[in-house]
Amino acid sequence: MSARPRLLPWSDPVGQRCYLVSDVDSEGYLSKLADEMEAVQLQMGAELIGHARLMLRDRTTDARELRYLSNRLIEALQDALRIAESRGGRLPVPEEAETDGSAQAWEVAE
């Protein structure tokens, strides 16, 4: 079983966070589905940024369109932050890295 639950890129019907506890790291159906959904969310966010740049250059864009754009940008940012939190939560902590032999020594220059 994995040490920590994975934050999934979707919420339950009432908006609560969903987590996956898996005994197979990144190999199960839900893990792969979550990976694919994260990739789609990030791609949509990147496309939205391009669209926003065009809209902001267009002086004829009205307030209603800008509000709609702002709401979509907020959603994209929320998705990106959730993905960052999920991926950060899956990084090995130094104690875990030492036990599996993947720890690296870091020196701090003074």
N, C-alpha and C. Protein backbone atom coordinates (compact mmCIF):
# COMPACT_ATOMS: atom_id res chain seq x y z
N MET A 1 0.85 -1.17 0.00
CA MET A 1 0.00 0.00 0.00
C MET A 1 0.89 1.24 0.00
N SER A 2 0.50 2.26 -0.76
CA SER A 2 1.29 3.49 -0.79
C SER A 2 1.23 4.17 0.57
N ALA A 3 2.29 4.91 0.88
CA ALA A 3 2.40 5.54 2.20
C ALA A 3 1.39 6.66 2.37
N ARG A 4 1.14 7.42 1.33
CA ARG A 4 0.24 8.57 1.45
C ARG A 4 -0.83 8.51 0.37
N PRO A 5 -2.05 8.95 0.70
CA PRO A 5 -3.10 9.00 -0.32
C PRO A 5 -2.78 10.07 -1.37
N ARG A 6 -3.22 9.85 -2.59
CA ARG A 6 -3.02 10.78 -3.68
C ARG A 6 -4.24 11.68 -3.80
N LEU A 7 -4.01 12.99 -3.83
CA LEU A 7 -5.09 13.93 -4.09
C LEU A 7 -5.45 13.83 -5.57
N LEU A 8 -6.73 13.56 -5.84
CA LEU A 8 -7.18 13.39 -7.23
C LEU A 8 -7.60 14.73 -7.83
N PRO A 9 -7.56 14.84 -9.16
CA PRO A 9 -7.87 16.12 -9.81
C PRO A 9 -9.36 16.38 -9.98
N TRP A 10 -10.18 15.75 -9.20
CA TRP A 10 -11.63 16.01 -9.23
C TRP A 10 -12.17 15.99 -7.81
N SER A 11 -13.38 16.51 -7.66
CA SER A 11 -14.04 16.56 -6.36
C SER A 11 -15.24 15.63 -6.38
N ASP A 12 -15.76 15.35 -5.19
CA ASP A 12 -16.98 14.55 -5.12
C ASP A 12 -18.18 15.45 -5.44
N PRO A 13 -19.39 14.91 -5.50
CA PRO A 13 -20.56 15.70 -5.90
C PRO A 13 -20.83 16.94 -5.03
N VAL A 14 -20.37 16.94 -3.79
CA VAL A 14 -20.60 18.12 -2.94
C VAL A 14 -19.37 19.02 -2.85
N GLY A 15 -18.36 18.75 -3.67
CA GLY A 15 -17.19 19.62 -3.74
C GLY A 15 -16.05 19.26 -2.80
N GLN A 16 -16.15 18.12 -2.13
CA GLN A 16 -15.08 17.69 -1.23
C GLN A 16 -13.94 17.04 -2.03
N ARG A 17 -12.74 17.16 -1.49
CA ARG A 17 -11.58 16.56 -2.13
C ARG A 17 -11.70 15.04 -2.17
N CYS A 18 -11.16 14.46 -3.22
CA CYS A 18 -11.12 13.00 -3.36
C CYS A 18 -9.67 12.54 -3.32
N TYR A 19 -9.45 11.44 -2.64
CA TYR A 19 -8.11 10.87 -2.52
C TYR A 19 -8.13 9.42 -2.98
N LEU A 20 -6.98 8.96 -3.45
CA LEU A 20 -6.82 7.57 -3.85
C LEU A 20 -5.77 6.93 -2.97
N VAL A 21 -6.16 5.83 -2.34
CA VAL A 21 -5.20 5.02 -1.59
C VAL A 21 -5.02 3.76 -2.42
N SER A 22 -3.80 3.54 -2.86
CA SER A 22 -3.54 2.47 -3.80
C SER A 22 -2.42 1.57 -3.31
N ASP A 23 -2.51 0.31 -3.66
CA ASP A 23 -1.41 -0.61 -3.33
C ASP A 23 -0.44 -0.73 -4.49
N VAL A 24 -0.77 -0.11 -5.61
CA VAL A 24 0.10 -0.13 -6.78
C VAL A 24 0.37 1.32 -7.17
N ASP A 25 1.60 1.79 -7.00
CA ASP A 25 1.94 3.18 -7.29
C ASP A 25 1.89 3.46 -8.79
N SER A 26 0.97 4.33 -9.20
CA SER A 26 0.85 4.84 -10.56
C SER A 26 0.59 3.77 -11.62
N GLU A 27 0.13 2.62 -11.22
CA GLU A 27 -0.11 1.56 -12.19
C GLU A 27 -1.59 1.21 -12.32
N GLY A 28 -2.41 1.61 -11.37
CA GLY A 28 -3.81 1.26 -11.40
C GLY A 28 -4.62 2.12 -12.34
N TYR A 29 -5.84 1.69 -12.62
CA TYR A 29 -6.73 2.39 -13.55
C TYR A 29 -6.99 3.82 -13.09
N LEU A 30 -7.33 4.02 -11.81
CA LEU A 30 -7.64 5.37 -11.33
C LEU A 30 -6.43 6.28 -11.34
N SER A 31 -5.25 5.73 -11.06
CA SER A 31 -4.02 6.54 -11.13
C SER A 31 -3.78 7.02 -12.55
N LYS A 32 -3.95 6.14 -13.50
CA LYS A 32 -3.75 6.52 -14.91
C LYS A 32 -4.81 7.51 -15.36
N LEU A 33 -6.05 7.32 -14.93
CA LEU A 33 -7.12 8.25 -15.27
C LEU A 33 -6.82 9.63 -14.68
N ALA A 34 -6.35 9.68 -13.44
CA ALA A 34 -5.99 10.94 -12.81
C ALA A 34 -4.84 11.61 -13.55
N ASP A 35 -3.84 10.84 -13.97
CA ASP A 35 -2.71 11.40 -14.73
C ASP A 35 -3.21 12.02 -16.04
N GLU A 36 -4.11 11.32 -16.72
CA GLU A 36 -4.65 11.82 -17.99
C GLU A 36 -5.47 13.09 -17.76
N MET A 37 -6.27 13.11 -16.70
CA MET A 37 -7.09 14.28 -16.41
C MET A 37 -6.21 15.48 -16.06
N GLU A 38 -5.15 15.26 -15.30
CA GLU A 38 -4.22 16.34 -14.98
C GLU A 38 -3.60 16.91 -16.25
N ALA A 39 -3.22 16.04 -17.17
CA ALA A 39 -2.62 16.50 -18.43
C ALA A 39 -3.62 17.34 -19.23
N VAL A 40 -4.87 16.92 -19.27
CA VAL A 40 -5.90 17.68 -19.97
C VAL A 40 -6.12 19.03 -19.30
N GLN A 41 -6.19 19.03 -17.97
CA GLN A 41 -6.41 20.29 -17.25
C GLN A 41 -5.27 21.27 -17.51
N LEU A 42 -4.03 20.79 -17.48
CA LEU A 42 -2.90 21.68 -17.73
C LEU A 42 -2.89 22.19 -19.17
N GLN A 43 -3.23 21.34 -20.12
CA GLN A 43 -3.30 21.76 -21.52
C GLN A 43 -4.40 22.80 -21.72
N MET A 44 -5.55 22.58 -21.09
CA MET A 44 -6.65 23.55 -21.20
C MET A 44 -6.25 24.88 -20.59
N GLY A 45 -5.52 24.85 -19.47
CA GLY A 45 -5.04 26.08 -18.85
C GLY A 45 -4.09 26.83 -19.76
N ALA A 46 -3.19 26.11 -20.42
CA ALA A 46 -2.25 26.75 -21.34
C ALA A 46 -2.98 27.37 -22.52
N GLU A 47 -3.97 26.68 -23.05
CA GLU A 47 -4.76 27.23 -24.16
C GLU A 47 -5.55 28.45 -23.72
N LEU A 48 -6.06 28.42 -22.51
CA LEU A 48 -6.82 29.54 -21.97
C LEU A 48 -5.94 30.78 -21.84
N ILE A 49 -4.70 30.60 -21.43
CA ILE A 49 -3.77 31.73 -21.34
C ILE A 49 -3.59 32.38 -22.71
N GLY A 50 -3.44 31.58 -23.73
CA GLY A 50 -3.32 32.12 -25.09
C GLY A 50 -4.56 32.89 -25.50
N HIS A 51 -5.70 32.33 -25.18
CA HIS A 51 -6.98 32.99 -25.50
C HIS A 51 -7.10 34.30 -24.73
N ALA A 52 -6.68 34.29 -23.46
CA ALA A 52 -6.75 35.49 -22.63
C ALA A 52 -5.87 36.59 -23.21
N ARG A 53 -4.68 36.23 -23.66
CA ARG A 53 -3.78 37.23 -24.25
C ARG A 53 -4.44 37.90 -25.45
N LEU A 54 -5.07 37.10 -26.29
CA LEU A 54 -5.75 37.67 -27.46
C LEU A 54 -6.90 38.58 -27.05
N MET A 55 -7.70 38.14 -26.09
CA MET A 55 -8.84 38.94 -25.65
C MET A 55 -8.40 40.26 -25.03
N LEU A 56 -7.33 40.23 -24.26
CA LEU A 56 -6.87 41.44 -23.60
C LEU A 56 -6.26 42.44 -24.58
N ARG A 57 -5.77 41.96 -25.71
CA ARG A 57 -5.26 42.87 -26.74
C ARG A 57 -6.39 43.51 -27.55
N ASP A 58 -7.52 42.84 -27.57
CA ASP A 58 -8.67 43.32 -28.35
C ASP A 58 -9.43 44.37 -27.55
N ARG A 59 -9.38 45.60 -28.00
CA ARG A 59 -10.03 46.71 -27.26
C ARG A 59 -11.56 46.63 -27.31
N THR A 60 -12.12 45.77 -28.15
CA THR A 60 -13.58 45.67 -28.23
C THR A 60 -14.14 44.63 -27.25
N THR A 61 -13.27 43.94 -26.51
CA THR A 61 -13.74 42.96 -25.53
C THR A 61 -14.51 43.68 -24.43
N ASP A 62 -15.74 43.22 -24.18
CA ASP A 62 -16.57 43.93 -23.18
C ASP A 62 -16.42 43.30 -21.79
N ALA A 63 -17.02 43.94 -20.80
CA ALA A 63 -16.89 43.53 -19.41
C ALA A 63 -17.45 42.13 -19.18
N ARG A 64 -18.53 41.78 -19.84
CA ARG A 64 -19.13 40.45 -19.68
C ARG A 64 -18.14 39.37 -20.14
N GLU A 65 -17.49 39.60 -21.26
CA GLU A 65 -16.50 38.65 -21.77
C GLU A 65 -15.30 38.55 -20.83
N LEU A 66 -14.88 39.67 -20.27
CA LEU A 66 -13.76 39.66 -19.35
C LEU A 66 -14.10 38.95 -18.05
N ARG A 67 -15.33 39.10 -17.56
CA ARG A 67 -15.76 38.36 -16.37
C ARG A 67 -15.75 36.86 -16.64
N TYR A 68 -16.26 36.47 -17.80
CA TYR A 68 -16.27 35.06 -18.16
C TYR A 68 -14.83 34.52 -18.23
N LEU A 69 -13.97 35.29 -18.88
CA LEU A 69 -12.56 34.91 -18.98
C LEU A 69 -11.93 34.78 -17.59
N SER A 70 -12.21 35.74 -16.72
CA SER A 70 -11.66 35.72 -15.36
C SER A 70 -12.10 34.47 -14.62
N ASN A 71 -13.34 34.09 -14.74
CA ASN A 71 -13.83 32.89 -14.07
C ASN A 71 -13.16 31.63 -14.61
N ARG A 72 -12.94 31.55 -15.91
CA ARG A 72 -12.26 30.38 -16.49
C ARG A 72 -10.80 30.35 -16.05
N LEU A 73 -10.15 31.52 -15.98
CA LEU A 73 -8.76 31.58 -15.51
C LEU A 73 -8.65 31.15 -14.05
N ILE A 74 -9.63 31.54 -13.22
CA ILE A 74 -9.65 31.12 -11.82
C ILE A 74 -9.76 29.60 -11.74
N GLU A 75 -10.65 29.02 -12.54
CA GLU A 75 -10.80 27.56 -12.54
C GLU A 75 -9.51 26.87 -12.97
N ALA A 76 -8.85 27.40 -14.00
CA ALA A 76 -7.60 26.81 -14.48
C ALA A 76 -6.51 26.91 -13.41
N LEU A 77 -6.47 28.04 -12.71
CA LEU A 77 -5.48 28.20 -11.64
C LEU A 77 -5.77 27.24 -10.49
N GLN A 78 -7.03 27.07 -10.14
CA GLN A 78 -7.39 26.12 -9.09
C GLN A 78 -6.96 24.70 -9.48
N ASP A 79 -7.19 24.34 -10.75
CA ASP A 79 -6.76 23.02 -11.22
C ASP A 79 -5.25 22.87 -11.11
N ALA A 80 -4.50 23.89 -11.55
CA ALA A 80 -3.04 23.82 -11.53
C ALA A 80 -2.52 23.73 -10.09
N LEU A 81 -3.13 24.47 -9.17
CA LEU A 81 -2.70 24.41 -7.78
C LEU A 81 -3.00 23.05 -7.16
N ARG A 82 -4.13 22.46 -7.51
CA ARG A 82 -4.47 21.12 -7.01
C ARG A 82 -3.47 20.10 -7.54
N ILE A 83 -3.12 20.22 -8.82
CA ILE A 83 -2.15 19.31 -9.41
C ILE A 83 -0.79 19.46 -8.72
N ALA A 84 -0.37 20.70 -8.49
CA ALA A 84 0.90 20.93 -7.81
C ALA A 84 0.89 20.34 -6.40
N GLU A 85 -0.21 20.53 -5.69
CA GLU A 85 -0.32 19.96 -4.34
C GLU A 85 -0.28 18.43 -4.38
N SER A 86 -1.00 17.85 -5.34
CA SER A 86 -1.02 16.40 -5.47
C SER A 86 0.36 15.85 -5.78
N ARG A 87 1.03 16.47 -6.74
CA ARG A 87 2.36 15.98 -7.13
C ARG A 87 3.37 16.22 -6.03
N GLY A 88 3.26 17.36 -5.35
CA GLY A 88 4.17 17.63 -4.24
C GLY A 88 3.98 16.64 -3.10
N GLY A 89 2.75 16.24 -2.88
CA GLY A 89 2.46 15.27 -1.83
C GLY A 89 2.98 13.88 -2.13
N ARG A 90 3.31 13.63 -3.38
CA ARG A 90 3.83 12.32 -3.76
C ARG A 90 5.35 12.29 -3.84
N LEU A 91 5.99 13.44 -3.62
CA LEU A 91 7.45 13.45 -3.61
C LEU A 91 7.95 12.75 -2.36
N PRO A 92 9.02 11.99 -2.47
CA PRO A 92 9.53 11.32 -1.27
C PRO A 92 10.13 12.34 -0.31
N VAL A 93 9.85 12.14 0.95
CA VAL A 93 10.49 12.98 1.97
C VAL A 93 11.87 12.39 2.22
N PRO A 94 12.81 13.17 2.74
CA PRO A 94 14.18 12.68 2.89
C PRO A 94 14.30 11.33 3.59
N GLU A 95 13.50 11.09 4.63
CA GLU A 95 13.58 9.81 5.35
C GLU A 95 13.19 8.66 4.43
N GLU A 96 12.14 8.85 3.61
CA GLU A 96 11.71 7.81 2.69
C GLU A 96 12.76 7.57 1.62
N ALA A 97 13.36 8.64 1.11
CA ALA A 97 14.35 8.52 0.06
C ALA A 97 15.56 7.75 0.56
N GLU A 98 15.95 7.95 1.81
CA GLU A 98 17.10 7.25 2.37
C GLU A 98 16.84 5.76 2.46
N THR A 99 15.61 5.37 2.77
CA THR A 99 15.32 3.95 2.94
C THR A 99 15.27 3.21 1.61
N ASP A 100 14.98 3.92 0.51
CA ASP A 100 14.94 3.22 -0.78
C ASP A 100 16.21 3.43 -1.60
N GLY A 101 17.22 4.08 -1.01
CA GLY A 101 18.50 4.23 -1.68
C GLY A 101 18.58 5.35 -2.68
N SER A 102 17.54 6.19 -2.78
CA SER A 102 17.54 7.25 -3.78
C SER A 102 17.88 8.62 -3.20
N ALA A 103 18.32 8.66 -1.96
CA ALA A 103 18.65 9.94 -1.33
C ALA A 103 19.92 10.52 -1.94
N GLN A 104 19.93 11.84 -2.04
CA GLN A 104 21.11 12.54 -2.52
C GLN A 104 21.59 13.46 -1.42
N ALA A 105 22.89 13.60 -1.32
CA ALA A 105 23.44 14.51 -0.32
C ALA A 105 23.48 15.90 -0.91
N TRP A 106 23.01 16.88 -0.16
CA TRP A 106 23.01 18.26 -0.59
C TRP A 106 23.86 19.07 0.36
N GLU A 107 24.73 19.87 -0.19
CA GLU A 107 25.55 20.74 0.63
C GLU A 107 25.05 22.16 0.47
N VAL A 108 25.04 22.88 1.57
CA VAL A 108 24.62 24.27 1.56
C VAL A 108 25.86 25.14 1.62
N ALA A 109 26.03 26.01 0.62
CA ALA A 109 27.18 26.92 0.61
C ALA A 109 26.93 28.05 1.60
N GLU A 110 27.93 28.35 2.40
CA GLU A 110 27.78 29.44 3.38
C GLU A 110 28.52 30.65 2.93
